[in-house]
Amino acid sequence: MLSSPFIIAFSLLLSLPILFFLAPRILPPRHLSPPIPDSDEIDDAALFRRAISLSHHPNQPSRTFHLSTKKNPSFKIAFLFLTNTDIQFASLWDRFFHNQPTNLYNIYVHADPTVNITRPDSGVFHNRFIPSKKTYRASPTLISATRRLLATAILDDPANAYFAVLSQHCIPLHSFRYVYRSLFVSKTFDKSEPEPESEPGIRTKYRSFIEIISKTPRMWKRYVARGRYAMMPEVPFEKFRVGSQFFTLTRKHALLIIADRKLWKKFKLPCYREDECYPEEHYFPTLLSMADPDGCTKYTLTRVNWTGTVNGHPYTYRSSEVSPELIGRLRESENSESYLFARKFSPDCLKPLMRIAKSMS
């Protein structure tokens, strides 16, 4: 007759594979990062309400104007920098904005407050840092940071009409004048939907330049990164989209994003799949694709090289690669007359970029 200790040991040994099989279905998944603190959510909600209630500017640029007239144009570009390090190309951006009328642009920086970041005491980034919160990679905190930038820019200046989201690794590929004319004046800049012939120098239609992709490898795995049914019913799989986290939005779409509550309650859920969790690349294209697909170009103006991707990061250019020829190649676009920005560049690219900056026009 078998002894009781032997039966107990045999039963435990037999139960191990059963527990291994059932544990993922019984136990809650391990999240990659902590959930967004309630205090951050409350602060953001108050900021968003103020921005929406005090925004009396039209939802999108609707008036026409000539850039060449003596009267200053009414619209500004808000440049929104999202960073967790020093602004590595500050001097390059200083040159980009040098001698440009300050009534044509504004700058806002969201810097991770838990990182020791050098805040320039001069130049265009001086006093342009906004109240910020901690951010984590592979978490919805990056969505929150972008929404915080959008709301701050909306609240700060009703003349902000376009909102360009950039990182500390981004560089401009053209002069400020070229960027401004492309967004506000050129009728042919957007090749995907050129405007009909009208009075020279006037543009009447404005869309957001945001990448929106409906079919890509591993789409399903990205969708279920929070759980198989976590996004339902608000975001069915056929409505789920992916794209770049760096985009240029109209004021209409910036307001739409900070007003959203329905999709945010799904996308703010923490992920448990590290290899597929890029909430900031999912939330914005999905929301705008569902809300106003015709108001989006479905492509971005920030050139990124995804050849040789490492752990979800794009290719990083080194100083030895920087040349006028590289800038020329990065400008080439099938969707627009040119890309306006590019990433990702290592800090040692600053000196060679400054040397060829005159060619960025």
Foldseek 3Di string as FASTA:
>chain_A
DDDPVVVVVVVVVVCVVVCVVCVVVPPAFDFPDDFDDPVLVVVLLVLLVLLLVPQPAPLADADKDFPPDPDHDLAAAEEEEEEAEELLQQVQVLVLCPPPDPNHYAYAYAYAPVHPYDQDCDGRRHPRYDDYHHDDALACSVVSRVLSRLSCVSNPDSRHFKYWYYYSQKHFLAHPVVVSCLQFWDQAFFVLDGDDDDPHRIDRAHAKAWAWAQDDPCLQVLVQQLHNCLQPDLADSNLWTFTDLTIMGGSNLSSVSSPDDSNCVRLSRGGNDQLNRGSSRTPSNSSCCVVPVPRYSNHGLEFFAQPPPDSNHTDEDELVPDDLVVSVVQQDDPGGPGRGMYDGYDSNNNVVCVVCVVSRD
